[in-house]
């Protein structure tokens, strides 16, 4: 049994839902998974985990700065363990942009780091117009209009492929 940390950064809460599903998969495989916001991970005994997974959402094409800061602060530790990184973004709703080697946000983010995760994942997120603040709703609708996505201001659409999430969780469990 491995002790696995799943630390996440989320904007609207959907990345947490993905982490909770990963935790379920890991528990089913007999592993102890701890899910915490990235901002609380430093308070844990990080060396005590066998594997560390970091998940981060995208807003306006970028991960929150704390994601890169955490990785840089703990890069040596991450490299000494089984590790994984996944990103959650709406552009991953498109089949040609839902893999680590085709997702522009993941590719761009990894270029800013010297850390190369042992396992990468890309998951489509959730579009929830009613929940967004006025400016975010306007900007996201504009982006969706430009990328042929849904623009109905009342739309709530979950694009996440949960089987893909579960398969990623299994790969984390199988990782040495």
N, C-alpha and C. Protein backbone atom coordinates (compact mmCIF):
# COMPACT_ATOMS: atom_id res chain seq x y z
N UNK A 1 0.84 -1.19 0.00
CA UNK A 1 0.00 0.00 0.00
C UNK A 1 0.88 1.25 0.00
N UNK A 2 0.59 2.14 -0.90
CA UNK A 2 1.32 3.40 -0.99
C UNK A 2 0.52 4.52 -0.33
N UNK A 3 1.25 5.50 0.18
CA UNK A 3 0.64 6.74 0.64
C UNK A 3 0.79 7.74 -0.49
N UNK A 4 -0.34 8.24 -0.98
CA UNK A 4 -0.34 9.14 -2.13
C UNK A 4 -0.93 10.48 -1.74
N UNK A 5 -0.22 11.54 -2.07
CA UNK A 5 -0.73 12.89 -1.88
C UNK A 5 -1.28 13.38 -3.21
N UNK A 6 -2.49 13.90 -3.19
CA UNK A 6 -3.09 14.54 -4.36
C UNK A 6 -3.36 15.98 -3.95
N UNK A 7 -2.50 16.89 -4.39
CA UNK A 7 -2.61 18.31 -4.06
C UNK A 7 -3.14 19.03 -5.29
N UNK A 8 -4.05 19.96 -5.07
CA UNK A 8 -4.71 20.59 -6.21
C UNK A 8 -4.84 22.10 -6.07
N UNK A 9 -4.98 22.72 -7.21
CA UNK A 9 -5.29 24.14 -7.33
C UNK A 9 -6.53 24.22 -8.20
N UNK A 10 -7.55 24.88 -7.71
CA UNK A 10 -8.80 24.96 -8.46
C UNK A 10 -9.33 26.38 -8.45
N UNK A 11 -10.07 26.74 -9.47
CA UNK A 11 -10.69 28.06 -9.54
C UNK A 11 -12.15 27.99 -9.15
N UNK A 12 -12.87 27.02 -9.69
CA UNK A 12 -14.30 26.91 -9.45
C UNK A 12 -14.71 25.61 -8.76
N UNK A 13 -13.75 24.77 -8.38
CA UNK A 13 -14.06 23.58 -7.63
C UNK A 13 -14.08 22.27 -8.41
N UNK A 14 -14.02 22.33 -9.72
CA UNK A 14 -14.12 21.09 -10.49
C UNK A 14 -12.86 20.23 -10.38
N UNK A 15 -11.72 20.85 -10.24
CA UNK A 15 -10.48 20.09 -10.08
C UNK A 15 -10.53 19.28 -8.79
N UNK A 16 -11.15 19.82 -7.76
CA UNK A 16 -11.34 19.06 -6.52
C UNK A 16 -12.18 17.82 -6.78
N UNK A 17 -13.23 17.94 -7.56
CA UNK A 17 -14.08 16.77 -7.89
C UNK A 17 -13.25 15.70 -8.60
N UNK A 18 -12.38 16.13 -9.49
CA UNK A 18 -11.51 15.17 -10.19
C UNK A 18 -10.57 14.50 -9.19
N UNK A 19 -10.02 15.27 -8.27
CA UNK A 19 -9.12 14.71 -7.26
C UNK A 19 -9.86 13.70 -6.37
N UNK A 20 -11.08 14.00 -6.04
CA UNK A 20 -11.87 13.08 -5.22
C UNK A 20 -12.13 11.77 -5.96
N UNK A 21 -12.33 11.83 -7.26
CA UNK A 21 -12.50 10.60 -8.04
C UNK A 21 -11.19 9.82 -8.08
N UNK A 22 -10.08 10.52 -8.23
CA UNK A 22 -8.78 9.84 -8.18
C UNK A 22 -8.59 9.15 -6.83
N UNK A 23 -8.97 9.83 -5.77
CA UNK A 23 -8.85 9.26 -4.43
C UNK A 23 -9.67 7.97 -4.32
N UNK A 24 -10.85 7.95 -4.89
CA UNK A 24 -11.69 6.75 -4.87
C UNK A 24 -11.00 5.58 -5.59
N UNK A 25 -10.45 5.88 -6.75
CA UNK A 25 -9.74 4.84 -7.53
C UNK A 25 -8.57 4.31 -6.73
N UNK A 26 -7.82 5.20 -6.13
CA UNK A 26 -6.64 4.80 -5.36
C UNK A 26 -7.03 3.96 -4.15
N UNK A 27 -8.11 4.34 -3.48
CA UNK A 27 -8.58 3.58 -2.32
C UNK A 27 -9.04 2.18 -2.75
N UNK A 28 -9.69 2.09 -3.90
CA UNK A 28 -10.14 0.79 -4.40
C UNK A 28 -8.96 -0.13 -4.69
N UNK A 29 -7.81 0.47 -4.99
CA UNK A 29 -6.60 -0.31 -5.27
C UNK A 29 -5.77 -0.56 -4.00
N UNK A 30 -6.31 -0.14 -2.86
CA UNK A 30 -5.64 -0.40 -1.59
C UNK A 30 -4.63 0.64 -1.16
N UNK A 31 -4.66 1.81 -1.78
CA UNK A 31 -3.72 2.88 -1.43
C UNK A 31 -4.40 3.92 -0.55
N UNK A 32 -3.63 4.58 0.27
CA UNK A 32 -4.15 5.65 1.11
C UNK A 32 -3.86 6.98 0.42
N UNK A 33 -4.90 7.64 -0.04
CA UNK A 33 -4.73 8.91 -0.76
C UNK A 33 -5.26 10.06 0.08
N UNK A 34 -4.46 11.09 0.17
CA UNK A 34 -4.82 12.31 0.89
C UNK A 34 -5.01 13.41 -0.16
N UNK A 35 -6.15 14.07 -0.13
CA UNK A 35 -6.45 15.16 -1.07
C UNK A 35 -6.48 16.47 -0.30
N UNK A 36 -5.64 17.42 -0.72
CA UNK A 36 -5.59 18.72 -0.05
C UNK A 36 -5.38 19.83 -1.08
N UNK A 37 -5.87 21.04 -0.76
CA UNK A 37 -5.53 22.18 -1.61
C UNK A 37 -4.03 22.39 -1.58
N UNK A 38 -3.48 22.80 -2.70
CA UNK A 38 -2.03 22.99 -2.82
C UNK A 38 -1.50 23.92 -1.73
N UNK A 39 -2.26 24.92 -1.36
CA UNK A 39 -1.83 25.87 -0.34
C UNK A 39 -1.69 25.27 1.05
N UNK A 40 -2.27 24.08 1.25
CA UNK A 40 -2.17 23.42 2.56
C UNK A 40 -1.14 22.27 2.55
N UNK A 41 -0.62 21.95 1.38
CA UNK A 41 0.28 20.79 1.26
C UNK A 41 1.59 21.00 2.01
N UNK A 42 2.08 22.22 2.08
CA UNK A 42 3.35 22.47 2.77
C UNK A 42 3.29 22.13 4.26
N UNK A 43 2.10 22.13 4.83
CA UNK A 43 1.95 21.83 6.26
C UNK A 43 2.01 20.33 6.54
N UNK A 44 2.01 19.52 5.48
CA UNK A 44 2.04 18.06 5.63
C UNK A 44 3.48 17.55 5.65
N UNK A 45 3.64 16.30 6.06
CA UNK A 45 4.94 15.64 6.01
C UNK A 45 5.14 15.11 4.59
N UNK A 46 5.53 15.98 3.68
CA UNK A 46 5.65 15.61 2.26
C UNK A 46 6.59 14.42 2.04
N UNK A 47 7.74 14.34 2.73
CA UNK A 47 8.60 13.17 2.52
C UNK A 47 7.94 11.85 2.93
N UNK A 48 6.89 11.92 3.73
CA UNK A 48 6.21 10.72 4.17
C UNK A 48 5.31 10.09 3.13
N UNK A 49 5.11 10.77 2.02
CA UNK A 49 4.27 10.21 0.94
C UNK A 49 5.15 9.46 -0.05
N UNK A 50 4.61 8.37 -0.58
CA UNK A 50 5.34 7.58 -1.57
C UNK A 50 5.22 8.18 -2.97
N UNK A 51 4.07 8.81 -3.23
CA UNK A 51 3.81 9.41 -4.54
C UNK A 51 3.11 10.75 -4.32
N UNK A 52 3.39 11.67 -5.22
CA UNK A 52 2.75 12.99 -5.13
C UNK A 52 2.17 13.33 -6.50
N UNK A 53 0.89 13.67 -6.49
CA UNK A 53 0.16 14.07 -7.69
C UNK A 53 -0.27 15.53 -7.51
N UNK A 54 -0.05 16.33 -8.53
CA UNK A 54 -0.47 17.73 -8.50
C UNK A 54 -1.47 17.94 -9.63
N UNK A 55 -2.61 18.51 -9.29
CA UNK A 55 -3.63 18.83 -10.29
C UNK A 55 -3.93 20.31 -10.27
N UNK A 56 -4.09 20.91 -11.44
CA UNK A 56 -4.29 22.36 -11.50
C UNK A 56 -5.22 22.74 -12.65
N UNK A 57 -6.11 23.66 -12.34
CA UNK A 57 -7.03 24.16 -13.36
C UNK A 57 -6.41 25.34 -14.10
N UNK A 58 -7.01 25.63 -15.23
CA UNK A 58 -6.59 26.75 -16.07
C UNK A 58 -7.70 27.80 -16.04
N UNK A 59 -7.30 29.06 -15.95
CA UNK A 59 -8.25 30.16 -16.15
C UNK A 59 -7.52 31.18 -17.01
N UNK A 60 -8.14 31.54 -18.11
CA UNK A 60 -7.56 32.49 -19.07
C UNK A 60 -6.18 32.05 -19.54
N UNK A 61 -6.04 30.75 -19.75
CA UNK A 61 -4.83 30.22 -20.35
C UNK A 61 -3.67 29.96 -19.40
N UNK A 62 -3.89 30.15 -18.08
CA UNK A 62 -2.78 29.99 -17.15
C UNK A 62 -3.20 29.23 -15.90
N UNK A 63 -2.22 28.52 -15.33
CA UNK A 63 -2.40 27.94 -14.01
C UNK A 63 -2.17 29.04 -12.99
N UNK A 64 -2.67 28.86 -11.79
CA UNK A 64 -2.42 29.83 -10.73
C UNK A 64 -0.92 29.83 -10.42
N UNK A 65 -0.34 30.99 -10.12
CA UNK A 65 1.12 31.08 -9.86
C UNK A 65 1.58 30.14 -8.75
N UNK A 66 0.74 29.84 -7.79
CA UNK A 66 1.13 28.97 -6.67
C UNK A 66 1.50 27.57 -7.14
N UNK A 67 1.01 27.14 -8.29
CA UNK A 67 1.33 25.80 -8.80
C UNK A 67 2.81 25.72 -9.14
N UNK A 68 3.27 26.67 -9.93
CA UNK A 68 4.68 26.68 -10.31
C UNK A 68 5.57 26.88 -9.08
N UNK A 69 5.15 27.74 -8.18
CA UNK A 69 5.93 28.01 -6.97
C UNK A 69 6.09 26.75 -6.13
N UNK A 70 5.00 25.99 -5.96
CA UNK A 70 5.06 24.75 -5.19
C UNK A 70 6.02 23.76 -5.84
N UNK A 71 5.88 23.61 -7.15
CA UNK A 71 6.74 22.66 -7.88
C UNK A 71 8.21 23.06 -7.74
N UNK A 72 8.51 24.32 -7.92
CA UNK A 72 9.91 24.77 -7.81
C UNK A 72 10.46 24.59 -6.40
N UNK A 73 9.60 24.83 -5.41
CA UNK A 73 10.02 24.70 -4.01
C UNK A 73 10.31 23.24 -3.64
N UNK A 74 9.59 22.32 -4.27
CA UNK A 74 9.69 20.91 -3.89
C UNK A 74 10.19 20.02 -5.02
N UNK A 75 10.85 20.59 -6.00
CA UNK A 75 11.26 19.82 -7.18
C UNK A 75 12.11 18.61 -6.81
N UNK A 76 13.10 18.76 -5.96
CA UNK A 76 13.97 17.63 -5.61
C UNK A 76 13.16 16.51 -4.95
N UNK A 77 12.26 16.87 -4.09
CA UNK A 77 11.40 15.87 -3.44
C UNK A 77 10.51 15.18 -4.47
N UNK A 78 9.91 15.96 -5.35
CA UNK A 78 9.04 15.38 -6.39
C UNK A 78 9.82 14.38 -7.24
N UNK A 79 11.03 14.75 -7.61
CA UNK A 79 11.84 13.89 -8.47
C UNK A 79 12.29 12.62 -7.77
N UNK A 80 12.29 12.62 -6.45
CA UNK A 80 12.74 11.44 -5.70
C UNK A 80 11.61 10.42 -5.48
N UNK A 81 10.41 10.75 -5.93
CA UNK A 81 9.24 9.90 -5.69
C UNK A 81 8.47 9.66 -6.99
N UNK A 82 7.52 8.74 -6.91
CA UNK A 82 6.56 8.65 -8.00
C UNK A 82 5.80 9.96 -8.03
N UNK A 83 5.65 10.55 -9.20
CA UNK A 83 4.98 11.84 -9.26
C UNK A 83 4.17 11.96 -10.54
N UNK A 84 3.18 12.82 -10.48
CA UNK A 84 2.32 13.05 -11.64
C UNK A 84 1.78 14.46 -11.59
N UNK A 85 1.43 14.96 -12.76
CA UNK A 85 0.81 16.28 -12.88
C UNK A 85 -0.33 16.17 -13.87
N UNK A 86 -1.46 16.82 -13.54
CA UNK A 86 -2.53 16.91 -14.52
C UNK A 86 -3.11 18.32 -14.53
N UNK A 87 -3.61 18.68 -15.69
CA UNK A 87 -4.24 19.98 -15.88
C UNK A 87 -5.70 19.77 -16.25
N UNK A 88 -6.51 20.74 -15.87
CA UNK A 88 -7.94 20.72 -16.17
C UNK A 88 -8.27 21.99 -16.92
N UNK A 89 -8.79 21.84 -18.14
CA UNK A 89 -9.14 23.02 -18.92
C UNK A 89 -10.23 22.70 -19.94
N UNK A 90 -10.94 23.72 -20.34
CA UNK A 90 -12.07 23.55 -21.26
C UNK A 90 -11.61 23.22 -22.68
N UNK A 91 -10.44 23.69 -23.07
CA UNK A 91 -9.96 23.40 -24.43
C UNK A 91 -9.78 21.89 -24.62
N UNK A 92 -9.59 21.17 -23.52
CA UNK A 92 -9.43 19.71 -23.60
C UNK A 92 -10.73 19.01 -23.97
N UNK A 93 -11.81 19.76 -24.15
CA UNK A 93 -13.06 19.16 -24.64
C UNK A 93 -12.90 18.71 -26.09
N UNK A 94 -11.91 19.27 -26.75
CA UNK A 94 -11.65 18.95 -28.15
C UNK A 94 -10.71 17.75 -28.22
N UNK A 95 -11.09 16.71 -28.97
CA UNK A 95 -10.26 15.50 -29.04
C UNK A 95 -8.82 15.76 -29.46
N UNK A 96 -8.60 16.76 -30.28
CA UNK A 96 -7.25 17.03 -30.76
C UNK A 96 -6.42 17.82 -29.73
N UNK A 97 -7.02 18.16 -28.56
CA UNK A 97 -6.29 18.92 -27.54
C UNK A 97 -6.43 18.30 -26.15
N UNK A 98 -6.75 17.01 -26.08
CA UNK A 98 -7.00 16.41 -24.78
C UNK A 98 -5.94 15.41 -24.33
N UNK A 99 -4.76 15.49 -24.90
CA UNK A 99 -3.65 14.62 -24.52
C UNK A 99 -2.46 15.49 -24.10
N UNK A 100 -1.59 14.94 -23.26
CA UNK A 100 -0.44 15.74 -22.81
C UNK A 100 0.41 16.32 -23.94
N UNK A 101 0.54 15.59 -25.04
CA UNK A 101 1.37 16.10 -26.14
C UNK A 101 0.61 16.99 -27.12
N UNK A 102 -0.69 17.20 -26.87
CA UNK A 102 -1.48 18.06 -27.77
C UNK A 102 -2.17 19.22 -27.06
N UNK A 103 -2.12 19.24 -25.74
CA UNK A 103 -2.80 20.31 -25.00
C UNK A 103 -1.89 21.52 -24.91
N UNK A 104 -2.26 22.63 -25.53
CA UNK A 104 -1.36 23.79 -25.57
C UNK A 104 -1.03 24.36 -24.19
N UNK A 105 -1.97 24.31 -23.26
CA UNK A 105 -1.71 24.88 -21.94
C UNK A 105 -0.71 24.04 -21.15
N UNK A 106 -0.82 22.74 -21.25
CA UNK A 106 0.12 21.87 -20.56
C UNK A 106 1.52 22.01 -21.16
N UNK A 107 1.58 22.00 -22.48
CA UNK A 107 2.87 22.13 -23.17
C UNK A 107 3.56 23.44 -22.77
N UNK A 108 2.80 24.53 -22.79
CA UNK A 108 3.34 25.84 -22.43
C UNK A 108 3.81 25.87 -20.97
N UNK A 109 3.01 25.30 -20.07
CA UNK A 109 3.36 25.29 -18.65
C UNK A 109 4.64 24.49 -18.40
N UNK A 110 4.74 23.32 -19.00
CA UNK A 110 5.91 22.47 -18.78
C UNK A 110 7.19 23.13 -19.29
N UNK A 111 7.08 23.98 -20.30
CA UNK A 111 8.26 24.70 -20.81
C UNK A 111 8.82 25.70 -19.80
N UNK A 112 8.00 26.09 -18.82
CA UNK A 112 8.45 27.05 -17.81
C UNK A 112 9.13 26.37 -16.64
N UNK A 113 9.16 25.04 -16.65
CA UNK A 113 9.71 24.27 -15.53
C UNK A 113 10.90 23.43 -15.97
N UNK A 114 11.78 23.13 -15.02
CA UNK A 114 12.81 22.14 -15.32
C UNK A 114 12.34 20.76 -14.88
N UNK A 115 11.28 20.70 -14.06
CA UNK A 115 10.71 19.43 -13.61
C UNK A 115 9.94 18.78 -14.76
N UNK A 116 10.18 17.50 -14.96
CA UNK A 116 9.44 16.73 -15.94
C UNK A 116 8.70 15.62 -15.21
N UNK A 117 7.39 15.77 -15.01
CA UNK A 117 6.63 14.75 -14.28
C UNK A 117 6.75 13.38 -14.94
N UNK A 118 6.68 12.35 -14.10
CA UNK A 118 6.76 10.97 -14.60
C UNK A 118 5.48 10.55 -15.30
N UNK A 119 4.37 11.18 -14.91
CA UNK A 119 3.07 10.87 -15.51
C UNK A 119 2.32 12.18 -15.70
N UNK A 120 1.72 12.34 -16.87
CA UNK A 120 0.96 13.55 -17.19
C UNK A 120 -0.47 13.21 -17.55
N UNK A 121 -1.38 14.11 -17.22
CA UNK A 121 -2.78 13.94 -17.58
C UNK A 121 -3.40 15.27 -17.98
N UNK A 122 -4.40 15.17 -18.85
CA UNK A 122 -5.16 16.34 -19.28
C UNK A 122 -6.64 15.95 -19.22
N UNK A 123 -7.42 16.76 -18.51
CA UNK A 123 -8.85 16.49 -18.40
C UNK A 123 -9.66 17.72 -18.78
N UNK A 124 -10.72 17.49 -19.50
CA UNK A 124 -11.64 18.57 -19.83
C UNK A 124 -12.39 18.95 -18.56
N UNK A 125 -12.63 20.22 -18.41
CA UNK A 125 -13.29 20.70 -17.19
C UNK A 125 -14.79 20.87 -17.33
N UNK A 126 -15.31 21.81 -16.59
CA UNK A 126 -16.74 22.07 -16.54
C UNK A 126 -16.97 23.54 -16.84
N UNK A 127 -17.96 23.79 -17.66
CA UNK A 127 -18.38 25.14 -17.99
C UNK A 127 -19.63 25.42 -17.18
N UNK A 128 -19.62 26.47 -16.38
CA UNK A 128 -20.74 26.77 -15.48
C UNK A 128 -21.03 28.26 -15.50
N UNK A 129 -21.61 28.72 -16.60
CA UNK A 129 -21.86 30.15 -16.77
C UNK A 129 -22.61 30.80 -15.60
N UNK A 130 -23.71 30.19 -15.10
CA UNK A 130 -24.44 30.86 -14.01
C UNK A 130 -23.60 31.11 -12.76
N UNK A 131 -22.59 30.32 -12.54
CA UNK A 131 -21.76 30.46 -11.35
C UNK A 131 -20.70 31.55 -11.48
N UNK A 132 -20.35 31.92 -12.70
CA UNK A 132 -19.28 32.89 -12.92
C UNK A 132 -19.73 34.31 -12.60
N UNK A 133 -18.78 35.11 -12.17
CA UNK A 133 -19.03 36.54 -12.01
C UNK A 133 -19.27 37.15 -13.39
N UNK A 134 -19.86 38.31 -13.43
CA UNK A 134 -20.24 38.94 -14.70
C UNK A 134 -19.07 39.02 -15.68
N UNK A 135 -17.93 39.53 -15.22
CA UNK A 135 -16.79 39.71 -16.12
C UNK A 135 -16.27 38.36 -16.63
N UNK A 136 -16.18 37.37 -15.73
CA UNK A 136 -15.73 36.05 -16.16
C UNK A 136 -16.71 35.43 -17.15
N UNK A 137 -18.00 35.56 -16.87
CA UNK A 137 -19.01 35.00 -17.78
C UNK A 137 -18.86 35.64 -19.17
N UNK A 138 -18.69 36.95 -19.20
CA UNK A 138 -18.53 37.66 -20.47
C UNK A 138 -17.28 37.20 -21.20
N UNK A 139 -16.16 37.15 -20.50
CA UNK A 139 -14.88 36.79 -21.13
C UNK A 139 -14.89 35.33 -21.61
N UNK A 140 -15.42 34.44 -20.78
CA UNK A 140 -15.44 33.02 -21.17
C UNK A 140 -16.38 32.81 -22.35
N UNK A 141 -17.50 33.52 -22.37
CA UNK A 141 -18.40 33.42 -23.53
C UNK A 141 -17.70 33.91 -24.79
N UNK A 142 -16.93 34.97 -24.68
CA UNK A 142 -16.19 35.50 -25.82
C UNK A 142 -15.17 34.47 -26.30
N UNK A 143 -14.46 33.86 -25.38
CA UNK A 143 -13.49 32.82 -25.73
C UNK A 143 -14.21 31.65 -26.40
N UNK A 144 -15.34 31.24 -25.85
CA UNK A 144 -16.10 30.13 -26.42
C UNK A 144 -16.61 30.48 -27.82
N UNK A 145 -17.03 31.72 -28.02
CA UNK A 145 -17.47 32.16 -29.34
C UNK A 145 -16.33 32.04 -30.35
N UNK A 146 -15.14 32.44 -29.94
CA UNK A 146 -13.98 32.40 -30.83
C UNK A 146 -13.51 30.97 -31.10
N UNK A 147 -13.83 30.03 -30.19
CA UNK A 147 -13.36 28.66 -30.34
C UNK A 147 -14.50 27.68 -30.65
N UNK A 148 -15.61 28.22 -31.11
CA UNK A 148 -16.79 27.41 -31.47
C UNK A 148 -17.30 26.56 -30.31
N UNK A 149 -17.28 27.12 -29.13
CA UNK A 149 -17.80 26.44 -27.95
C UNK A 149 -19.17 26.95 -27.59
N UNK A 150 -19.78 26.38 -26.54
CA UNK A 150 -21.11 26.80 -26.11
C UNK A 150 -21.10 28.21 -25.51
N UNK A 151 -22.09 29.01 -25.87
CA UNK A 151 -22.13 30.40 -25.40
C UNK A 151 -23.41 30.75 -24.64
N UNK A 152 -24.33 29.83 -24.50
CA UNK A 152 -25.57 30.09 -23.77
C UNK A 152 -25.24 30.47 -22.33
N UNK A 153 -25.57 31.68 -21.88
CA UNK A 153 -25.19 32.13 -20.54
C UNK A 153 -25.83 31.32 -19.41
N UNK A 154 -26.77 30.46 -19.74
CA UNK A 154 -27.40 29.61 -18.72
C UNK A 154 -26.83 28.19 -18.73
N UNK A 155 -25.90 27.93 -19.63
CA UNK A 155 -25.37 26.58 -19.81
C UNK A 155 -24.47 26.15 -18.65
N UNK A 156 -24.65 24.90 -18.26
CA UNK A 156 -23.76 24.22 -17.33
C UNK A 156 -23.43 22.89 -18.02
N UNK A 157 -22.18 22.75 -18.45
CA UNK A 157 -21.78 21.57 -19.22
C UNK A 157 -20.51 20.99 -18.62
N UNK A 158 -20.59 19.72 -18.25
CA UNK A 158 -19.42 19.02 -17.74
C UNK A 158 -18.81 18.23 -18.90
N UNK A 159 -17.60 18.59 -19.27
CA UNK A 159 -16.91 17.94 -20.38
C UNK A 159 -16.00 16.80 -19.93
N UNK A 160 -15.85 16.60 -18.65
CA UNK A 160 -14.90 15.64 -18.10
C UNK A 160 -15.23 14.21 -18.53
N UNK A 161 -14.22 13.52 -19.01
CA UNK A 161 -14.33 12.10 -19.32
C UNK A 161 -13.88 11.35 -18.07
N UNK A 162 -14.85 10.87 -17.28
CA UNK A 162 -14.54 10.26 -16.00
C UNK A 162 -13.78 8.94 -16.15
N UNK A 163 -13.97 8.25 -17.25
CA UNK A 163 -13.20 7.02 -17.48
C UNK A 163 -11.73 7.36 -17.68
N UNK A 164 -11.47 8.48 -18.34
CA UNK A 164 -10.09 8.94 -18.53
C UNK A 164 -9.46 9.29 -17.17
N UNK A 165 -10.25 9.93 -16.30
CA UNK A 165 -9.77 10.27 -14.96
C UNK A 165 -9.43 8.99 -14.18
N UNK A 166 -10.34 8.01 -14.25
CA UNK A 166 -10.12 6.76 -13.52
C UNK A 166 -8.91 6.00 -14.06
N UNK A 167 -8.71 6.02 -15.37
CA UNK A 167 -7.54 5.36 -15.96
C UNK A 167 -6.25 6.04 -15.48
N UNK A 168 -6.27 7.35 -15.37
CA UNK A 168 -5.11 8.08 -14.86
C UNK A 168 -4.83 7.67 -13.41
N UNK A 169 -5.88 7.58 -12.61
CA UNK A 169 -5.73 7.16 -11.23
C UNK A 169 -5.11 5.77 -11.13
N UNK A 170 -5.53 4.89 -12.02
CA UNK A 170 -4.97 3.54 -12.05
C UNK A 170 -3.48 3.58 -12.42
N UNK A 171 -3.13 4.43 -13.38
CA UNK A 171 -1.72 4.55 -13.79
C UNK A 171 -0.86 5.10 -12.63
N UNK A 172 -1.43 6.01 -11.84
CA UNK A 172 -0.70 6.50 -10.67
C UNK A 172 -0.46 5.35 -9.70
N UNK A 173 -1.48 4.53 -9.48
CA UNK A 173 -1.34 3.38 -8.58
C UNK A 173 -0.28 2.40 -9.07
N UNK A 174 -0.21 2.22 -10.37
CA UNK A 174 0.73 1.26 -10.96
C UNK A 174 2.16 1.80 -11.06
N UNK A 175 2.31 3.10 -10.89
CA UNK A 175 3.63 3.72 -11.01
C UNK A 175 4.51 3.29 -9.85
N UNK A 176 5.79 3.01 -10.13
CA UNK A 176 6.68 2.62 -9.01
C UNK A 176 6.94 3.78 -8.05
